[in-house]
Amino acid sequence: MKIEPVHITLVCLFCRAELKGSEDASYSPGTLKKCKECGEENDYESVVEVAKEKGVAQIKQDLEDQLKNEFKNIFGKKR
């Protein structure tokens, strides 16, 4: 079973626009990241937590789909 990498984008908690920033930027607990689309300030820790939840959900879905296909291939073949 091959698991593909999952890429999750950090998004604004208010407008769901992608939060962009410098690649070399360092964020610490309590940092606020301003959305360039709506101007709202997002708590960085909350944004990361939402991204983690999305990532876990995506991985679960991918694994479930792969398992369904594997079982279909194994048990769906006529003997």
N, C-alpha and C. Protein backbone atom coordinates (compact mmCIF):
# COMPACT_ATOMS: atom_id res chain seq x y z
N MET A 1 0.85 -1.17 0.00
CA MET A 1 0.00 0.00 0.00
C MET A 1 0.90 1.23 0.00
N LYS A 2 0.63 2.13 -0.92
CA LYS A 2 1.43 3.33 -1.03
C LYS A 2 0.63 4.53 -0.53
N ILE A 3 1.24 5.29 0.36
CA ILE A 3 0.58 6.48 0.89
C ILE A 3 1.22 7.70 0.26
N GLU A 4 0.43 8.48 -0.40
CA GLU A 4 0.90 9.69 -1.05
C GLU A 4 1.07 10.81 -0.03
N PRO A 5 2.03 11.70 -0.24
CA PRO A 5 2.18 12.85 0.66
C PRO A 5 0.93 13.73 0.61
N VAL A 6 0.63 14.34 1.72
CA VAL A 6 -0.53 15.24 1.81
C VAL A 6 -0.01 16.65 2.00
N HIS A 7 -0.50 17.56 1.19
CA HIS A 7 -0.11 18.97 1.31
C HIS A 7 -1.35 19.76 1.77
N ILE A 8 -1.23 20.36 2.93
CA ILE A 8 -2.33 21.14 3.48
C ILE A 8 -1.88 22.60 3.56
N THR A 9 -2.71 23.49 3.08
CA THR A 9 -2.43 24.91 3.08
C THR A 9 -3.01 25.55 4.34
N LEU A 10 -2.26 26.46 4.93
CA LEU A 10 -2.80 27.21 6.06
C LEU A 10 -3.78 28.24 5.51
N VAL A 11 -4.96 28.29 6.12
CA VAL A 11 -5.99 29.21 5.63
C VAL A 11 -6.50 30.10 6.75
N CYS A 12 -7.00 31.25 6.36
CA CYS A 12 -7.58 32.22 7.29
C CYS A 12 -8.80 31.59 7.95
N LEU A 13 -8.90 31.76 9.25
CA LEU A 13 -10.04 31.20 9.98
C LEU A 13 -11.33 31.97 9.72
N PHE A 14 -11.22 33.14 9.11
CA PHE A 14 -12.39 33.99 8.89
C PHE A 14 -12.92 33.89 7.46
N CYS A 15 -12.01 33.97 6.46
CA CYS A 15 -12.47 33.99 5.07
C CYS A 15 -12.00 32.78 4.26
N ARG A 16 -11.20 31.92 4.87
CA ARG A 16 -10.68 30.70 4.25
C ARG A 16 -9.68 30.95 3.12
N ALA A 17 -9.19 32.17 2.99
CA ALA A 17 -8.15 32.47 1.99
C ALA A 17 -6.83 31.88 2.47
N GLU A 18 -5.96 31.54 1.53
CA GLU A 18 -4.66 31.00 1.88
C GLU A 18 -3.83 32.06 2.59
N LEU A 19 -3.23 31.66 3.72
CA LEU A 19 -2.34 32.57 4.45
C LEU A 19 -0.94 32.39 3.91
N LYS A 20 -0.40 33.45 3.38
CA LYS A 20 0.94 33.39 2.80
C LYS A 20 1.89 34.17 3.68
N GLY A 21 3.12 33.70 3.70
CA GLY A 21 4.14 34.37 4.49
C GLY A 21 5.51 33.97 3.98
N SER A 22 6.51 34.56 4.53
CA SER A 22 7.88 34.27 4.15
C SER A 22 8.25 32.85 4.57
N GLU A 23 8.97 32.15 3.70
CA GLU A 23 9.39 30.78 3.98
C GLU A 23 10.28 30.69 5.21
N ASP A 24 11.07 31.73 5.46
CA ASP A 24 12.01 31.70 6.57
C ASP A 24 11.47 32.38 7.84
N ALA A 25 10.18 32.73 7.81
CA ALA A 25 9.58 33.38 8.97
C ALA A 25 9.46 32.39 10.13
N SER A 26 9.58 32.90 11.33
CA SER A 26 9.47 32.08 12.53
C SER A 26 8.27 32.56 13.33
N TYR A 27 7.41 31.62 13.69
CA TYR A 27 6.21 31.97 14.45
C TYR A 27 6.27 31.28 15.80
N SER A 28 5.92 32.02 16.83
CA SER A 28 5.92 31.47 18.18
C SER A 28 4.49 31.46 18.72
N PRO A 29 4.24 30.72 19.82
CA PRO A 29 2.90 30.71 20.40
C PRO A 29 2.42 32.13 20.66
N GLY A 30 1.18 32.38 20.29
CA GLY A 30 0.59 33.70 20.50
C GLY A 30 0.77 34.65 19.33
N THR A 31 1.51 34.22 18.30
CA THR A 31 1.72 35.06 17.12
C THR A 31 0.41 35.21 16.36
N LEU A 32 0.15 36.42 15.92
CA LEU A 32 -1.02 36.67 15.08
C LEU A 32 -0.55 36.90 13.65
N LYS A 33 -1.22 36.22 12.71
CA LYS A 33 -0.89 36.33 11.29
C LYS A 33 -2.05 37.02 10.60
N LYS A 34 -1.77 38.19 10.03
CA LYS A 34 -2.81 38.98 9.38
C LYS A 34 -3.10 38.43 7.98
N CYS A 35 -4.38 38.25 7.68
CA CYS A 35 -4.82 37.78 6.37
C CYS A 35 -4.74 38.93 5.38
N LYS A 36 -4.12 38.67 4.25
CA LYS A 36 -3.98 39.71 3.22
C LYS A 36 -5.28 39.94 2.47
N GLU A 37 -6.22 38.99 2.58
CA GLU A 37 -7.50 39.12 1.89
C GLU A 37 -8.53 39.92 2.69
N CYS A 38 -8.77 39.50 3.93
CA CYS A 38 -9.83 40.14 4.73
C CYS A 38 -9.30 41.06 5.82
N GLY A 39 -8.01 40.99 6.10
CA GLY A 39 -7.41 41.87 7.10
C GLY A 39 -7.54 41.39 8.54
N GLU A 40 -8.22 40.28 8.76
CA GLU A 40 -8.37 39.74 10.12
C GLU A 40 -7.06 39.12 10.58
N GLU A 41 -6.85 39.17 11.90
CA GLU A 41 -5.66 38.56 12.47
C GLU A 41 -6.01 37.17 12.99
N ASN A 42 -5.21 36.19 12.58
CA ASN A 42 -5.42 34.79 12.93
C ASN A 42 -4.37 34.35 13.94
N ASP A 43 -4.82 33.65 14.96
CA ASP A 43 -3.91 33.06 15.92
C ASP A 43 -3.19 31.91 15.22
N TYR A 44 -1.87 31.99 15.14
CA TYR A 44 -1.09 31.01 14.39
C TYR A 44 -1.32 29.59 14.89
N GLU A 45 -1.36 29.40 16.19
CA GLU A 45 -1.56 28.05 16.75
C GLU A 45 -2.91 27.47 16.31
N SER A 46 -3.94 28.30 16.29
CA SER A 46 -5.26 27.83 15.86
C SER A 46 -5.27 27.46 14.38
N VAL A 47 -4.59 28.26 13.58
CA VAL A 47 -4.51 27.99 12.14
C VAL A 47 -3.80 26.65 11.91
N VAL A 48 -2.71 26.41 12.63
CA VAL A 48 -1.97 25.16 12.49
C VAL A 48 -2.81 23.98 12.97
N GLU A 49 -3.55 24.15 14.05
CA GLU A 49 -4.40 23.07 14.57
C GLU A 49 -5.46 22.68 13.54
N VAL A 50 -6.08 23.66 12.90
CA VAL A 50 -7.08 23.38 11.87
C VAL A 50 -6.42 22.63 10.70
N ALA A 51 -5.22 23.05 10.32
CA ALA A 51 -4.51 22.39 9.23
C ALA A 51 -4.18 20.94 9.59
N LYS A 52 -3.78 20.70 10.83
CA LYS A 52 -3.49 19.33 11.27
C LYS A 52 -4.74 18.46 11.18
N GLU A 53 -5.87 18.99 11.63
CA GLU A 53 -7.12 18.24 11.57
C GLU A 53 -7.49 17.90 10.13
N LYS A 54 -7.29 18.85 9.22
CA LYS A 54 -7.57 18.61 7.81
C LYS A 54 -6.64 17.53 7.26
N GLY A 55 -5.39 17.59 7.66
CA GLY A 55 -4.42 16.61 7.20
C GLY A 55 -4.76 15.21 7.67
N VAL A 56 -5.11 15.07 8.92
CA VAL A 56 -5.48 13.76 9.47
C VAL A 56 -6.73 13.23 8.76
N ALA A 57 -7.70 14.10 8.54
CA ALA A 57 -8.93 13.68 7.85
C ALA A 57 -8.62 13.23 6.42
N GLN A 58 -7.73 13.93 5.74
CA GLN A 58 -7.37 13.58 4.37
C GLN A 58 -6.64 12.23 4.33
N ILE A 59 -5.73 12.02 5.27
CA ILE A 59 -5.00 10.75 5.33
C ILE A 59 -5.95 9.60 5.62
N LYS A 60 -6.88 9.79 6.55
CA LYS A 60 -7.87 8.75 6.85
C LYS A 60 -8.68 8.40 5.61
N GLN A 61 -9.12 9.42 4.89
CA GLN A 61 -9.93 9.20 3.68
C GLN A 61 -9.11 8.47 2.62
N ASP A 62 -7.87 8.87 2.43
CA ASP A 62 -7.00 8.21 1.44
C ASP A 62 -6.78 6.74 1.79
N LEU A 63 -6.53 6.47 3.08
CA LEU A 63 -6.34 5.08 3.51
C LEU A 63 -7.61 4.25 3.32
N GLU A 64 -8.74 4.85 3.66
CA GLU A 64 -10.01 4.14 3.50
C GLU A 64 -10.25 3.81 2.03
N ASP A 65 -9.99 4.77 1.15
CA ASP A 65 -10.17 4.53 -0.29
C ASP A 65 -9.24 3.43 -0.79
N GLN A 66 -7.98 3.45 -0.34
CA GLN A 66 -7.03 2.43 -0.75
C GLN A 66 -7.45 1.05 -0.25
N LEU A 67 -7.89 0.98 1.00
CA LEU A 67 -8.33 -0.31 1.55
C LEU A 67 -9.54 -0.84 0.79
N LYS A 68 -10.49 0.02 0.47
CA LYS A 68 -11.66 -0.41 -0.30
C LYS A 68 -11.24 -1.00 -1.64
N ASN A 69 -10.30 -0.32 -2.30
CA ASN A 69 -9.83 -0.82 -3.59
C ASN A 69 -9.10 -2.15 -3.45
N GLU A 70 -8.28 -2.28 -2.42
CA GLU A 70 -7.56 -3.53 -2.18
C GLU A 70 -8.53 -4.68 -1.93
N PHE A 71 -9.53 -4.45 -1.08
CA PHE A 71 -10.50 -5.50 -0.79
C PHE A 71 -11.32 -5.83 -2.03
N LYS A 72 -11.65 -4.83 -2.82
CA LYS A 72 -12.40 -5.08 -4.04
C LYS A 72 -11.57 -5.94 -4.99
N ASN A 73 -10.27 -5.65 -5.07
CA ASN A 73 -9.39 -6.43 -5.94
C ASN A 73 -9.22 -7.86 -5.43
N ILE A 74 -9.15 -8.02 -4.12
CA ILE A 74 -8.95 -9.35 -3.54
C ILE A 74 -10.23 -10.17 -3.59
N PHE A 75 -11.33 -9.61 -3.11
CA PHE A 75 -12.57 -10.37 -2.98
C PHE A 75 -13.51 -10.23 -4.18
N GLY A 76 -13.25 -9.27 -5.02
CA GLY A 76 -14.11 -9.05 -6.17
C GLY A 76 -13.77 -9.92 -7.36
N LYS A 77 -12.60 -10.57 -7.32
CA LYS A 77 -12.19 -11.43 -8.43
C LYS A 77 -12.99 -12.73 -8.40
N LYS A 78 -13.42 -13.15 -9.58
CA LYS A 78 -14.15 -14.42 -9.67
C LYS A 78 -13.16 -15.55 -9.75
N ARG A 79 -13.48 -16.63 -9.08
CA ARG A 79 -12.57 -17.79 -9.05
C ARG A 79 -13.01 -18.82 -10.05
